[in-house]
């Protein structure tokens, strides 16, 4: 019998919220862009999230307009739709 623990970021919405929180606490470089590795590393190493959880969370955040991904794939931007989330509104 295999014992497993509940993964906190298995739900894409939970992962997306954490990614947005990480991005909101970083300084943007150019034109409001944040290097994707600046949110990837803390998520995967510090919070022990998996690659799949990161990918699912990023897709969820992009679909909701919370984050937008630059065409190069190396940067994200905080989207206008994230304002309510960042202000603590439902």
PDB file of N, CA and C in Angstrom:
ATOM      1  N   UNK A   1       0.843  -1.177   0.000  1.00  0.00           N
ATOM      2  CA  UNK A   1       0.000   0.000   0.000  1.00  0.00           C
ATOM      3  C   UNK A   1       0.891   1.243   0.000  1.00  0.00           C
ATOM      4  N   UNK A   2       0.583   2.126  -0.877  1.00  0.00           N
ATOM      5  CA  UNK A   2       1.380   3.339  -1.031  1.00  0.00           C
ATOM      6  C   UNK A   2       0.713   4.488  -0.288  1.00  0.00           C
ATOM      7  N   UNK A   3       1.485   5.172   0.523  1.00  0.00           N
ATOM      8  CA  UNK A   3       0.965   6.328   1.251  1.00  0.00           C
ATOM      9  C   UNK A   3       1.382   7.596   0.516  1.00  0.00           C
ATOM     10  N   UNK A   4       0.435   8.428   0.256  1.00  0.00           N
ATOM     11  CA  UNK A   4       0.733   9.691  -0.414  1.00  0.00           C
ATOM     12  C   UNK A   4       0.225  10.849   0.428  1.00  0.00           C
ATOM     13  N   UNK A   5       0.821  11.979   0.206  1.00  0.00           N
ATOM     14  CA  UNK A   5       0.358  13.179   0.886  1.00  0.00           C
ATOM     15  C   UNK A   5      -0.327  14.075  -0.134  1.00  0.00           C
ATOM     16  N   UNK A   6      -1.220  14.867   0.337  1.00  0.00           N
ATOM     17  CA  UNK A   6      -1.946  15.802  -0.530  1.00  0.00           C
ATOM     18  C   UNK A   6      -0.989  16.879  -1.020  1.00  0.00           C
ATOM     19  N   UNK A   7      -0.982  17.104  -2.314  1.00  0.00           N
ATOM     20  CA  UNK A   7      -0.123  18.131  -2.911  1.00  0.00           C
ATOM     21  C   UNK A   7      -0.896  19.450  -2.915  1.00  0.00           C
ATOM     22  N   UNK A   8      -0.343  20.491  -2.304  1.00  0.00           N
ATOM     23  CA  UNK A   8      -1.079  21.753  -2.193  1.00  0.00           C
ATOM     24  C   UNK A   8      -1.355  22.440  -3.524  1.00  0.00           C
ATOM     25  N   UNK A   9      -0.568  22.143  -4.561  1.00  0.00           N
ATOM     26  CA  UNK A   9      -0.753  22.819  -5.845  1.00  0.00           C
ATOM     27  C   UNK A   9      -1.239  21.884  -6.932  1.00  0.00           C
ATOM     28  N   UNK A  10      -1.843  20.760  -6.525  1.00  0.00           N
ATOM     29  CA  UNK A  10      -2.407  19.827  -7.500  1.00  0.00           C
ATOM     30  C   UNK A  10      -3.608  20.462  -8.212  1.00  0.00           C
ATOM     31  N   UNK A  11      -4.299  21.356  -7.540  1.00  0.00           N
ATOM     32  CA  UNK A  11      -5.412  22.086  -8.148  1.00  0.00           C
ATOM     33  C   UNK A  11      -4.831  23.250  -8.960  1.00  0.00           C
ATOM     34  N   UNK A  12      -5.117  23.317 -10.260  1.00  0.00           N
ATOM     35  CA  UNK A  12      -4.554  24.392 -11.089  1.00  0.00           C
ATOM     36  C   UNK A  12      -4.864  25.796 -10.579  1.00  0.00           C
ATOM     37  N   UNK A  13      -6.034  25.986  -9.984  1.00  0.00           N
ATOM     38  CA  UNK A  13      -6.367  27.322  -9.468  1.00  0.00           C
ATOM     39  C   UNK A  13      -5.450  27.694  -8.306  1.00  0.00           C
ATOM     40  N   UNK A  14      -5.181  26.747  -7.414  1.00  0.00           N
ATOM     41  CA  UNK A  14      -4.283  27.014  -6.283  1.00  0.00           C
ATOM     42  C   UNK A  14      -2.879  27.326  -6.782  1.00  0.00           C
ATOM     43  N   UNK A  15      -2.422  26.586  -7.773  1.00  0.00           N
ATOM     44  CA  UNK A  15      -1.097  26.837  -8.349  1.00  0.00           C
ATOM     45  C   UNK A  15      -1.062  28.206  -9.023  1.00  0.00           C
ATOM     46  N   UNK A  16      -2.116  28.550  -9.754  1.00  0.00           N
ATOM     47  CA  UNK A  16      -2.177  29.843 -10.445  1.00  0.00           C
ATOM     48  C   UNK A  16      -2.162  30.995  -9.446  1.00  0.00           C
ATOM     49  N   UNK A  17      -2.894  30.855  -8.369  1.00  0.00           N
ATOM     50  CA  UNK A  17      -2.914  31.902  -7.341  1.00  0.00           C
ATOM     51  C   UNK A  17      -1.532  32.086  -6.716  1.00  0.00           C
ATOM     52  N   UNK A  18      -0.829  30.983  -6.484  1.00  0.00           N
ATOM     53  CA  UNK A  18       0.509  31.081  -5.907  1.00  0.00           C
ATOM     54  C   UNK A  18       1.476  31.712  -6.910  1.00  0.00           C
ATOM     55  N   UNK A  19       1.359  31.353  -8.187  1.00  0.00           N
ATOM     56  CA  UNK A  19       2.219  31.953  -9.211  1.00  0.00           C
ATOM     57  C   UNK A  19       1.989  33.458  -9.305  1.00  0.00           C
ATOM     58  N   UNK A  20       0.734  33.869  -9.241  1.00  0.00           N
ATOM     59  CA  UNK A  20       0.418  35.294  -9.291  1.00  0.00           C
ATOM     60  C   UNK A  20       0.972  36.004  -8.061  1.00  0.00           C
ATOM     61  N   UNK A  21       0.871  35.360  -6.919  1.00  0.00           N
ATOM     62  CA  UNK A  21       1.420  35.942  -5.692  1.00  0.00           C
ATOM     63  C   UNK A  21       2.940  36.103  -5.803  1.00  0.00           C
ATOM     64  N   UNK A  22       3.600  35.079  -6.327  1.00  0.00           N
ATOM     65  CA  UNK A  22       5.049  35.165  -6.520  1.00  0.00           C
ATOM     66  C   UNK A  22       5.407  36.291  -7.487  1.00  0.00           C
ATOM     67  N   UNK A  23       4.677  36.373  -8.595  1.00  0.00           N
ATOM     68  CA  UNK A  23       4.948  37.404  -9.608  1.00  0.00           C
ATOM     69  C   UNK A  23       4.709  38.802  -9.056  1.00  0.00           C
ATOM     70  N   UNK A  24       3.683  38.952  -8.244  1.00  0.00           N
ATOM     71  CA  UNK A  24       3.338  40.270  -7.701  1.00  0.00           C
ATOM     72  C   UNK A  24       4.415  40.790  -6.750  1.00  0.00           C
ATOM     73  N   UNK A  25       5.206  39.896  -6.190  1.00  0.00           N
ATOM     74  CA  UNK A  25       6.243  40.300  -5.245  1.00  0.00           C
ATOM     75  C   UNK A  25       7.613  40.480  -5.887  1.00  0.00           C
ATOM     76  N   UNK A  26       7.655  40.464  -7.220  1.00  0.00           N
ATOM     77  CA  UNK A  26       8.918  40.631  -7.938  1.00  0.00           C
ATOM     78  C   UNK A  26       8.938  41.960  -8.681  1.00  0.00           C
ATOM     79  N   UNK A  27      10.118  42.486  -8.848  1.00  0.00           N
ATOM     80  CA  UNK A  27      10.271  43.712  -9.629  1.00  0.00           C
ATOM     81  C   UNK A  27      10.284  43.361 -11.112  1.00  0.00           C
ATOM     82  N   UNK A  28       9.511  44.073 -11.875  1.00  0.00           N
ATOM     83  CA  UNK A  28       9.466  43.855 -13.322  1.00  0.00           C
ATOM     84  C   UNK A  28      10.720  44.438 -13.952  1.00  0.00           C
ATOM     85  N   UNK A  29      11.120  43.849 -15.070  1.00  0.00           N
ATOM     86  CA  UNK A  29      12.328  44.334 -15.728  1.00  0.00           C
ATOM     87  C   UNK A  29      12.005  45.375 -16.785  1.00  0.00           C
ATOM     88  N   UNK A  30      11.416  44.993 -17.870  1.00  0.00           N
ATOM     89  CA  UNK A  30      11.148  45.908 -18.974  1.00  0.00           C
ATOM     90  C   UNK A  30       9.675  45.802 -19.353  1.00  0.00           C
ATOM     91  N   UNK A  31       9.013  46.921 -19.449  1.00  0.00           N
ATOM     92  CA  UNK A  31       7.616  46.946 -19.883  1.00  0.00           C
ATOM     93  C   UNK A  31       6.723  46.070 -19.006  1.00  0.00           C
ATOM     94  N   UNK A  32       7.026  45.996 -17.723  1.00  0.00           N
ATOM     95  CA  UNK A  32       6.211  45.221 -16.794  1.00  0.00           C
ATOM     96  C   UNK A  32       6.432  43.726 -16.850  1.00  0.00           C
ATOM     97  N   UNK A  33       7.440  43.288 -17.584  1.00  0.00           N
ATOM     98  CA  UNK A  33       7.707  41.860 -17.729  1.00  0.00           C
ATOM     99  C   UNK A  33       8.513  41.310 -16.560  1.00  0.00           C
ATOM    100  N   UNK A  34       8.214  40.063 -16.230  1.00  0.00           N
ATOM    101  CA  UNK A  34       8.918  39.339 -15.182  1.00  0.00           C
ATOM    102  C   UNK A  34       9.460  38.065 -15.812  1.00  0.00           C
ATOM    103  N   UNK A  35      10.751  37.813 -15.642  1.00  0.00           N
ATOM    104  CA  UNK A  35      11.320  36.587 -16.193  1.00  0.00           C
ATOM    105  C   UNK A  35      10.640  35.385 -15.558  1.00  0.00           C
ATOM    106  N   UNK A  36      10.241  34.439 -16.406  1.00  0.00           N
ATOM    107  CA  UNK A  36       9.465  33.298 -15.946  1.00  0.00           C
ATOM    108  C   UNK A  36      10.239  32.442 -14.943  1.00  0.00           C
ATOM    109  N   UNK A  37      11.574  32.408 -15.068  1.00  0.00           N
ATOM    110  CA  UNK A  37      12.352  31.612 -14.117  1.00  0.00           C
ATOM    111  C   UNK A  37      12.329  32.214 -12.717  1.00  0.00           C
ATOM    112  N   UNK A  38      11.984  33.503 -12.618  1.00  0.00           N
ATOM    113  CA  UNK A  38      11.889  34.146 -11.298  1.00  0.00           C
ATOM    114  C   UNK A  38      10.678  33.657 -10.519  1.00  0.00           C
ATOM    115  N   UNK A  39       9.666  33.115 -11.216  1.00  0.00           N
ATOM    116  CA  UNK A  39       8.541  32.497 -10.502  1.00  0.00           C
ATOM    117  C   UNK A  39       8.639  30.975 -10.533  1.00  0.00           C
ATOM    118  N   UNK A  40       9.328  30.445 -11.543  1.00  0.00           N
ATOM    119  CA  UNK A  40       9.477  28.996 -11.669  1.00  0.00           C
ATOM    120  C   UNK A  40      10.321  28.434 -10.533  1.00  0.00           C
ATOM    121  N   UNK A  41      11.475  29.014 -10.284  1.00  0.00           N
ATOM    122  CA  UNK A  41      12.396  28.493  -9.269  1.00  0.00           C
ATOM    123  C   UNK A  41      11.787  28.479  -7.869  1.00  0.00           C
ATOM    124  N   UNK A  42      11.209  29.573  -7.381  1.00  0.00           N
ATOM    125  CA  UNK A  42      10.623  29.519  -6.041  1.00  0.00           C
ATOM    126  C   UNK A  42       9.457  28.538  -5.954  1.00  0.00           C
ATOM    127  N   UNK A  43       8.699  28.424  -7.035  1.00  0.00           N
ATOM    128  CA  UNK A  43       7.556  27.512  -7.029  1.00  0.00           C
ATOM    129  C   UNK A  43       8.020  26.064  -6.948  1.00  0.00           C
ATOM    130  N   UNK A  44       8.992  25.712  -7.768  1.00  0.00           N
ATOM    131  CA  UNK A  44       9.410  24.315  -7.844  1.00  0.00           C
ATOM    132  C   UNK A  44      10.401  23.924  -6.751  1.00  0.00           C
ATOM    133  N   UNK A  45      11.272  24.825  -6.362  1.00  0.00           N
ATOM    134  CA  UNK A  45      12.274  24.477  -5.354  1.00  0.00           C
ATOM    135  C   UNK A  45      11.782  24.843  -3.955  1.00  0.00           C
ATOM    136  N   UNK A  46      11.411  26.087  -3.773  1.00  0.00           N
ATOM    137  CA  UNK A  46      10.993  26.543  -2.453  1.00  0.00           C
ATOM    138  C   UNK A  46       9.670  25.964  -1.989  1.00  0.00           C
ATOM    139  N   UNK A  47       8.724  25.849  -2.910  1.00  0.00           N
ATOM    140  CA  UNK A  47       7.386  25.360  -2.545  1.00  0.00           C
ATOM    141  C   UNK A  47       7.175  23.897  -2.939  1.00  0.00           C
ATOM    142  N   UNK A  48       8.185  23.287  -3.510  1.00  0.00           N
ATOM    143  CA  UNK A  48       8.167  21.888  -3.966  1.00  0.00           C
ATOM    144  C   UNK A  48       7.002  21.564  -4.899  1.00  0.00           C
ATOM    145  N   UNK A  49       6.673  22.504  -5.753  1.00  0.00           N
ATOM    146  CA  UNK A  49       5.678  22.245  -6.791  1.00  0.00           C
ATOM    147  C   UNK A  49       6.324  21.450  -7.917  1.00  0.00           C
ATOM    148  N   UNK A  50       5.521  20.731  -8.665  1.00  0.00           N
ATOM    149  CA  UNK A  50       6.053  19.926  -9.765  1.00  0.00           C
ATOM    150  C   UNK A  50       5.978  20.705 -11.080  1.00  0.00           C
ATOM    151  N   UNK A  51       6.612  20.150 -12.103  1.00  0.00           N
ATOM    152  CA  UNK A  51       6.557  20.763 -13.428  1.00  0.00           C
ATOM    153  C   UNK A  51       5.124  20.809 -13.941  1.00  0.00           C
ATOM    154  N   UNK A  52       4.409  19.726 -13.745  1.00  0.00           N
ATOM    155  CA  UNK A  52       3.003  19.683 -14.196  1.00  0.00           C
ATOM    156  C   UNK A  52       2.148  20.706 -13.463  1.00  0.00           C
ATOM    157  N   UNK A  53       2.364  20.849 -12.166  1.00  0.00           N
ATOM    158  CA  UNK A  53       1.598  21.823 -11.396  1.00  0.00           C
ATOM    159  C   UNK A  53       1.917  23.239 -11.854  1.00  0.00           C
ATOM    160  N   UNK A  54       3.193  23.509 -12.128  1.00  0.00           N
ATOM    161  CA  UNK A  54       3.590  24.824 -12.628  1.00  0.00           C
ATOM    162  C   UNK A  54       2.921  25.097 -13.974  1.00  0.00           C
ATOM    163  N   UNK A  55       2.998  24.130 -14.878  1.00  0.00           N
ATOM    164  CA  UNK A  55       2.406  24.302 -16.208  1.00  0.00           C
ATOM    165  C   UNK A  55       0.901  24.490 -16.153  1.00  0.00           C
ATOM    166  N   UNK A  56       0.245  23.677 -15.335  1.00  0.00           N
ATOM    167  CA  UNK A  56      -1.215  23.781 -15.213  1.00  0.00           C
ATOM    168  C   UNK A  56      -1.606  25.111 -14.572  1.00  0.00           C
ATOM    169  N   UNK A  57      -0.852  25.532 -13.567  1.00  0.00           N
ATOM    170  CA  UNK A  57      -1.130  26.810 -12.914  1.00  0.00           C
ATOM    171  C   UNK A  57      -0.911  27.984 -13.845  1.00  0.00           C
ATOM    172  N   UNK A  58       0.150  27.925 -14.639  1.00  0.00           N
ATOM    173  CA  UNK A  58       0.437  28.989 -15.589  1.00  0.00           C
ATOM    174  C   UNK A  58      -0.656  29.072 -16.661  1.00  0.00           C
ATOM    175  N   UNK A  59      -1.066  27.929 -17.203  1.00  0.00           N
ATOM    176  CA  UNK A  59      -2.156  27.918 -18.194  1.00  0.00           C
ATOM    177  C   UNK A  59      -3.442  28.489 -17.600  1.00  0.00           C
ATOM    178  N   UNK A  60      -3.766  28.094 -16.370  1.00  0.00           N
ATOM    179  CA  UNK A  60      -4.972  28.573 -15.698  1.00  0.00           C
ATOM    180  C   UNK A  60      -4.915  30.096 -15.537  1.00  0.00           C
ATOM    181  N   UNK A  61      -3.764  30.610 -15.087  1.00  0.00           N
ATOM    182  CA  UNK A  61      -3.621  32.056 -14.881  1.00  0.00           C
ATOM    183  C   UNK A  61      -3.723  32.814 -16.200  1.00  0.00           C
ATOM    184  N   UNK A  62      -3.175  32.264 -17.267  1.00  0.00           N
ATOM    185  CA  UNK A  62      -3.245  32.911 -18.578  1.00  0.00           C
ATOM    186  C   UNK A  62      -4.675  32.889 -19.107  1.00  0.00           C
ATOM    187  N   UNK A  63      -5.367  31.761 -18.951  1.00  0.00           N
ATOM    188  CA  UNK A  63      -6.760  31.658 -19.411  1.00  0.00           C
ATOM    189  C   UNK A  63      -7.659  32.653 -18.696  1.00  0.00           C
ATOM    190  N   UNK A  64      -7.385  32.927 -17.425  1.00  0.00           N
ATOM    191  CA  UNK A  64      -8.205  33.848 -16.637  1.00  0.00           C
ATOM    192  C   UNK A  64      -7.798  35.303 -16.817  1.00  0.00           C
ATOM    193  N   UNK A  65      -6.678  35.540 -17.500  1.00  0.00           N
ATOM    194  CA  UNK A  65      -6.206  36.905 -17.686  1.00  0.00           C
ATOM    195  C   UNK A  65      -5.411  37.429 -16.512  1.00  0.00           C
ATOM    196  N   UNK A  66      -5.039  36.559 -15.567  1.00  0.00           N
ATOM    197  CA  UNK A  66      -4.250  36.979 -14.414  1.00  0.00           C
ATOM    198  C   UNK A  66      -2.817  37.246 -14.822  1.00  0.00           C
ATOM    199  N   UNK A  67      -2.301  36.435 -15.745  1.00  0.00           N
ATOM    200  CA  UNK A  67      -0.956  36.595 -16.271  1.00  0.00           C
ATOM    201  C   UNK A  67      -1.031  36.524 -17.792  1.00  0.00           C
ATOM    202  N   UNK A  68      -0.089  37.149 -18.446  1.00  0.00           N
ATOM    203  CA  UNK A  68       0.048  36.980 -19.893  1.00  0.00           C
ATOM    204  C   UNK A  68       1.488  36.579 -20.159  1.00  0.00           C
ATOM    205  N   UNK A  69       1.669  35.725 -21.134  1.00  0.00           N
ATOM    206  CA  UNK A  69       2.994  35.218 -21.454  1.00  0.00           C
ATOM    207  C   UNK A  69       3.501  35.915 -22.708  1.00  0.00           C
ATOM    208  N   UNK A  70       4.732  36.376 -22.654  1.00  0.00           N
ATOM    209  CA  UNK A  70       5.344  37.029 -23.801  1.00  0.00           C
ATOM    210  C   UNK A  70       5.529  35.997 -24.907  1.00  0.00           C
ATOM    211  N   UNK A  71       5.487  36.451 -26.149  1.00  0.00           N
ATOM    212  CA  UNK A  71       5.604  35.548 -27.297  1.00  0.00           C
ATOM    213  C   UNK A  71       6.900  34.744 -27.290  1.00  0.00           C
ATOM    214  N   UNK A  72       7.945  35.257 -26.648  1.00  0.00           N
ATOM    215  CA  UNK A  72       9.214  34.528 -26.569  1.00  0.00           C
ATOM    216  C   UNK A  72       9.141  33.374 -25.574  1.00  0.00           C
ATOM    217  N   UNK A  73       8.178  33.439 -24.649  1.00  0.00           N
ATOM    218  CA  UNK A  73       8.030  32.401 -23.636  1.00  0.00           C
ATOM    219  C   UNK A  73       8.942  32.586 -22.442  1.00  0.00           C
ATOM    220  N   UNK A  74       9.718  33.659 -22.427  1.00  0.00           N
ATOM    221  CA  UNK A  74      10.664  33.861 -21.336  1.00  0.00           C
ATOM    222  C   UNK A  74      10.159  34.805 -20.249  1.00  0.00           C
ATOM    223  N   UNK A  75       9.066  35.495 -20.508  1.00  0.00           N
ATOM    224  CA  UNK A  75       8.556  36.478 -19.557  1.00  0.00           C
ATOM    225  C   UNK A  75       7.041  36.362 -19.412  1.00  0.00           C
ATOM    226  N   UNK A  76       6.558  36.814 -18.265  1.00  0.00           N
ATOM    227  CA  UNK A  76       5.118  36.945 -18.039  1.00  0.00           C
ATOM    228  C   UNK A  76       4.860  38.373 -17.566  1.00  0.00           C
ATOM    229  N   UNK A  77       3.619  38.774 -17.695  1.00  0.00           N
ATOM    230  CA  UNK A  77       3.162  40.077 -17.213  1.00  0.00           C
ATOM    231  C   UNK A  77       1.920  39.846 -16.364  1.00  0.00           C
ATOM    232  N   UNK A  78       1.762  40.652 -15.353  1.00  0.00           N
ATOM    233  CA  UNK A  78       0.552  40.577 -14.547  1.00  0.00           C
ATOM    234  C   UNK A  78      -0.564  41.232 -15.340  1.00  0.00           C
ATOM    235  N   UNK A  79      -1.667  40.515 -15.530  1.00  0.00           N
ATOM    236  CA  UNK A  79      -2.770  40.991 -16.345  1.00  0.00           C
ATOM    237  C   UNK A  79      -3.737  41.875 -15.583  1.00  0.00           C
ATOM    238  N   UNK A  80      -4.558  42.573 -16.333  1.00  0.00           N
ATOM    239  CA  UNK A  80      -5.554  43.457 -15.727  1.00  0.00           C
ATOM    240  C   UNK A  80      -6.600  42.695 -14.932  1.00  0.00           C
ATOM    241  N   UNK A  81      -6.883  41.464 -15.336  1.00  0.00           N
ATOM    242  CA  UNK A  81      -7.904  40.667 -14.654  1.00  0.00           C
ATOM    243  C   UNK A  81      -7.470  40.245 -13.254  1.00  0.00           C
ATOM    244  N   UNK A  82      -6.218  40.423 -12.916  1.00  0.00           N
ATOM    245  CA  UNK A  82      -5.719  39.997 -11.606  1.00  0.00           C
ATOM    246  C   UNK A  82      -5.932  41.053 -10.532  1.00  0.00           C
ATOM    247  N   UNK A  83      -6.408  42.230 -10.912  1.00  0.00           N
ATOM    248  CA  UNK A  83      -6.568  43.315  -9.932  1.00  0.00           C
ATOM    249  C   UNK A  83      -7.432  42.919  -8.745  1.00  0.00           C
ATOM    250  N   UNK A  84      -8.599  42.316  -8.998  1.00  0.00           N
ATOM    251  CA  UNK A  84      -9.491  41.931  -7.908  1.00  0.00           C
ATOM    252  C   UNK A  84      -8.819  40.908  -6.998  1.00  0.00           C
ATOM    253  N   UNK A  85      -8.118  39.945  -7.596  1.00  0.00           N
ATOM    254  CA  UNK A  85      -7.425  38.942  -6.811  1.00  0.00           C
ATOM    255  C   UNK A  85      -6.362  39.583  -5.920  1.00  0.00           C
ATOM    256  N   UNK A  86      -5.605  40.505  -6.491  1.00  0.00           N
ATOM    257  CA  UNK A  86      -4.526  41.120  -5.736  1.00  0.00           C
ATOM    258  C   UNK A  86      -5.037  42.048  -4.644  1.00  0.00           C
ATOM    259  N   UNK A  87      -6.245  42.546  -4.807  1.00  0.00           N
ATOM    260  CA  UNK A  87      -6.855  43.385  -3.774  1.00  0.00           C
ATOM    261  C   UNK A  87      -7.570  42.565  -2.719  1.00  0.00           C
ATOM    262  N   UNK A  88      -7.581  41.236  -2.882  1.00  0.00           N
ATOM    263  CA  UNK A  88      -8.209  40.368  -1.913  1.00  0.00           C
ATOM    264  C   UNK A  88      -9.699  40.195  -2.101  1.00  0.00           C
ATOM    265  N   UNK A  89     -10.216  40.538  -3.272  1.00  0.00           N
ATOM    266  CA  UNK A  89     -11.640  40.375  -3.546  1.00  0.00           C
ATOM    267  C   UNK A  89     -11.892  38.989  -4.107  1.00  0.00           C
ATOM    268  N   UNK A  90     -13.089  38.438  -3.921  1.00  0.00           N
ATOM    269  CA  UNK A  90     -13.370  37.083  -4.426  1.00  0.00           C
ATOM    270  C   UNK A  90     -13.343  36.991  -5.936  1.00  0.00           C
TER     271      UNK A  90
END
